[in-house]
N, C-alpha and C. Protein backbone atom coordinates (compact mmCIF):
# COMPACT_ATOMS: atom_id res chain seq x y z
N MET A 1 80.66 39.53 165.48
CA MET A 1 80.20 38.30 166.25
C MET A 1 79.27 37.51 165.30
N ILE A 2 79.36 36.14 165.30
CA ILE A 2 78.50 35.35 164.56
C ILE A 2 77.19 35.17 165.14
N VAL A 3 76.13 35.56 164.27
CA VAL A 3 74.59 35.65 164.63
C VAL A 3 74.09 34.21 164.24
N CYS A 4 74.65 33.62 163.12
CA CYS A 4 73.75 32.20 162.52
C CYS A 4 75.26 31.55 162.64
N VAL A 5 75.33 30.52 163.51
CA VAL A 5 76.43 29.55 163.54
C VAL A 5 76.34 28.52 162.31
N CYS A 6 74.91 28.33 162.06
CA CYS A 6 74.81 26.81 160.95
C CYS A 6 75.23 27.65 159.70
N ASN A 7 74.99 28.74 159.28
CA ASN A 7 75.48 29.40 158.27
C ASN A 7 76.86 30.49 158.31
N ASN A 8 77.13 30.44 159.27
CA ASN A 8 78.36 31.37 159.78
C ASN A 8 78.12 32.70 159.13
N ILE A 9 77.16 33.41 159.61
CA ILE A 9 76.92 34.66 159.08
C ILE A 9 77.17 35.68 160.30
N SER A 10 77.62 36.74 160.06
CA SER A 10 77.89 37.61 161.38
C SER A 10 77.02 38.95 161.40
N ASP A 11 76.83 39.62 162.55
CA ASP A 11 76.05 40.93 162.59
C ASP A 11 76.63 41.73 161.29
N ARG A 12 77.83 41.98 161.12
CA ARG A 12 78.63 42.82 160.16
C ARG A 12 77.72 42.67 158.84
N GLU A 13 77.60 41.23 158.55
CA GLU A 13 77.07 40.95 157.42
C GLU A 13 75.56 41.04 157.23
N ILE A 14 74.84 41.16 158.39
CA ILE A 14 73.65 41.73 158.40
C ILE A 14 73.47 43.33 158.16
N ARG A 15 74.51 43.79 158.86
CA ARG A 15 74.31 45.36 159.03
C ARG A 15 74.52 45.73 157.25
N GLN A 16 75.50 45.18 156.65
CA GLN A 16 75.82 45.49 155.27
C GLN A 16 74.69 45.18 154.32
N ALA A 17 73.40 43.84 154.74
CA ALA A 17 72.61 43.54 153.92
C ALA A 17 71.49 44.81 154.23
N VAL A 18 71.25 45.28 155.45
CA VAL A 18 70.33 46.36 155.36
C VAL A 18 71.04 47.55 154.75
N ASP A 19 72.37 47.79 154.73
CA ASP A 19 72.67 49.12 153.92
C ASP A 19 72.34 48.73 152.49
N LEU A 20 72.44 47.65 152.11
CA LEU A 20 72.01 47.41 150.67
C LEU A 20 70.42 47.07 150.44
N GLY A 21 69.92 47.48 151.13
CA GLY A 21 68.40 47.49 151.18
C GLY A 21 67.44 46.50 151.76
N ILE A 22 68.05 45.11 152.41
CA ILE A 22 67.53 44.24 153.09
C ILE A 22 66.53 44.90 154.39
N THR A 23 65.35 44.61 154.48
CA THR A 23 64.52 45.25 155.53
C THR A 23 63.71 44.30 156.53
N SER A 24 63.83 42.81 156.17
CA SER A 24 63.13 42.00 156.65
C SER A 24 63.79 40.53 156.92
N ILE A 25 63.37 39.83 157.95
CA ILE A 25 64.32 38.25 158.14
C ILE A 25 63.82 37.61 156.78
N ALA A 26 62.86 37.80 156.43
CA ALA A 26 62.88 36.96 155.05
C ALA A 26 63.50 37.26 154.02
N GLY A 27 63.91 38.64 154.01
CA GLY A 27 65.44 39.27 152.94
C GLY A 27 66.37 38.62 153.41
N LEU A 28 66.84 38.70 154.66
CA LEU A 28 67.85 37.98 155.34
C LEU A 28 68.37 36.55 154.69
N ARG A 29 66.91 35.96 154.92
CA ARG A 29 66.82 34.57 154.82
C ARG A 29 66.85 34.00 153.61
N LYS A 30 66.61 34.73 152.44
CA LYS A 30 66.99 34.56 151.14
C LYS A 30 68.35 35.02 150.60
N GLU A 31 68.75 36.10 151.38
CA GLU A 31 69.85 36.60 150.72
C GLU A 31 71.15 35.84 151.08
N LEU A 32 71.02 35.89 152.68
CA LEU A 32 72.39 35.20 153.29
C LEU A 32 72.06 33.70 154.11
N GLY A 33 70.86 33.33 154.04
CA GLY A 33 70.67 32.25 154.57
C GLY A 33 70.18 32.00 156.05
N VAL A 34 70.21 33.16 156.68
CA VAL A 34 69.76 33.52 158.23
C VAL A 34 68.46 32.56 158.49
N GLY A 35 68.69 31.74 159.22
CA GLY A 35 67.69 31.21 160.22
C GLY A 35 67.02 29.84 159.25
N THR A 36 67.97 29.34 158.26
CA THR A 36 67.43 28.51 157.43
C THR A 36 67.67 27.01 157.81
N MET A 37 68.41 26.88 158.94
CA MET A 37 69.05 25.24 159.22
C MET A 37 68.29 25.24 160.52
N CYS A 38 68.81 25.68 161.80
CA CYS A 38 67.78 25.38 162.86
C CYS A 38 67.19 26.52 163.67
N GLY A 39 67.26 27.53 163.22
CA GLY A 39 66.26 28.52 163.45
C GLY A 39 66.55 29.57 164.74
N THR A 40 67.46 29.06 165.47
CA THR A 40 68.04 29.32 166.80
C THR A 40 68.41 30.75 166.68
N CYS A 41 68.84 31.26 165.35
CA CYS A 41 69.62 32.65 165.02
C CYS A 41 68.32 33.64 165.07
N VAL A 42 67.21 33.37 164.69
CA VAL A 42 66.23 34.19 163.98
C VAL A 42 65.82 35.69 165.14
N SER A 43 65.91 35.05 166.36
CA SER A 43 65.26 36.67 167.41
C SER A 43 66.76 37.54 167.31
N TYR A 44 67.70 36.72 167.38
CA TYR A 44 69.14 37.94 167.44
C TYR A 44 69.31 38.50 166.09
N ALA A 45 69.05 37.80 164.98
CA ALA A 45 69.34 38.48 163.93
C ALA A 45 68.08 39.67 163.66
N ARG A 46 67.04 39.27 163.96
CA ARG A 46 65.90 40.40 163.96
C ARG A 46 66.25 41.80 164.86
N GLU A 47 66.94 41.37 166.07
CA GLU A 47 67.26 42.63 166.79
C GLU A 47 68.26 43.04 166.22
N VAL A 48 69.51 42.60 165.57
CA VAL A 48 70.40 43.30 164.68
C VAL A 48 70.03 43.98 163.51
N LEU A 49 68.98 43.28 162.95
CA LEU A 49 68.41 43.94 161.78
C LEU A 49 67.59 45.43 162.19
N HIS A 50 66.78 45.22 163.11
CA HIS A 50 65.96 46.44 163.63
C HIS A 50 66.76 47.69 163.92
N GLU A 51 67.94 47.29 165.05
CA GLU A 51 68.77 48.06 165.53
C GLU A 51 69.67 48.97 164.44
N HIS A 52 69.96 48.13 163.60
CA HIS A 52 70.55 48.95 162.26
C HIS A 52 69.57 49.71 161.64
N ILE A 53 68.57 49.57 161.11
CA ILE A 53 67.66 50.19 160.52
C ILE A 53 67.05 51.23 161.39
N ASP A 54 67.04 51.18 162.70
CA ASP A 54 66.62 52.36 163.54
C ASP A 54 67.72 53.39 163.57
N SER A 55 68.99 52.86 163.46
CA SER A 55 70.19 53.69 163.85
C SER A 55 70.43 54.54 162.58
N LYS A 56 69.87 54.53 161.16
CA LYS A 56 70.06 54.90 160.28
C LYS A 56 69.37 56.29 159.75
N THR A 57 69.78 57.31 159.68
CA THR A 57 69.24 58.52 159.42
C THR A 57 68.74 58.79 158.07
N THR A 58 67.27 59.01 158.33
CA THR A 58 67.13 59.49 156.92
C THR A 58 66.90 60.75 156.73
N ILE A 59 67.19 61.41 155.74
CA ILE A 59 67.01 62.95 155.48
C ILE A 59 65.77 63.02 154.48
N THR A 60 64.91 63.95 155.15
CA THR A 60 63.62 64.14 154.40
C THR A 60 63.52 65.30 153.51
N GLU A 61 64.30 66.29 154.23
CA GLU A 61 64.54 67.75 153.40
C GLU A 61 65.80 68.28 153.68
N LEU A 62 66.04 69.45 152.62
CA LEU A 62 67.68 69.80 152.49
C LEU A 62 67.53 71.06 153.60
N ARG A 63 68.25 71.48 154.44
CA ARG A 63 67.98 72.59 155.25
C ARG A 63 69.18 73.57 155.13
N ARG A 64 69.49 74.64 154.19
CA ARG A 64 70.49 75.54 154.24
C ARG A 64 70.02 76.82 154.64
N THR A 65 71.04 77.42 155.14
CA THR A 65 71.02 79.00 155.51
C THR A 65 71.18 79.55 154.17
N PRO A 66 70.35 80.65 153.81
CA PRO A 66 70.58 81.56 152.80
C PRO A 66 72.02 82.35 152.57
N VAL A 67 72.67 82.31 151.65
CA VAL A 67 73.74 82.93 151.30
C VAL A 67 73.34 84.38 151.15
N ALA A 68 73.97 85.20 151.61
CA ALA A 68 73.90 86.60 151.44
C ALA A 68 74.25 87.02 150.12
N ALA A 69 73.94 87.83 149.18
CA ALA A 69 74.51 88.16 147.72
C ALA A 69 75.09 89.14 148.02
């Protein structure tokens, strides 16, 4: 779905940007141009950004079952 009509930026592109390390609207603005024209898209872009960040799983420790020798 197109999030930013002015710059033709989709929700998929925003998710890809998050996967590449973008974590803020400022980052999306700089890298993709989100919200640089009319600004109407910023609230939905922020929603897509945060939903994708929240959906990513962060592994903080490795858990393994010990193997019997």
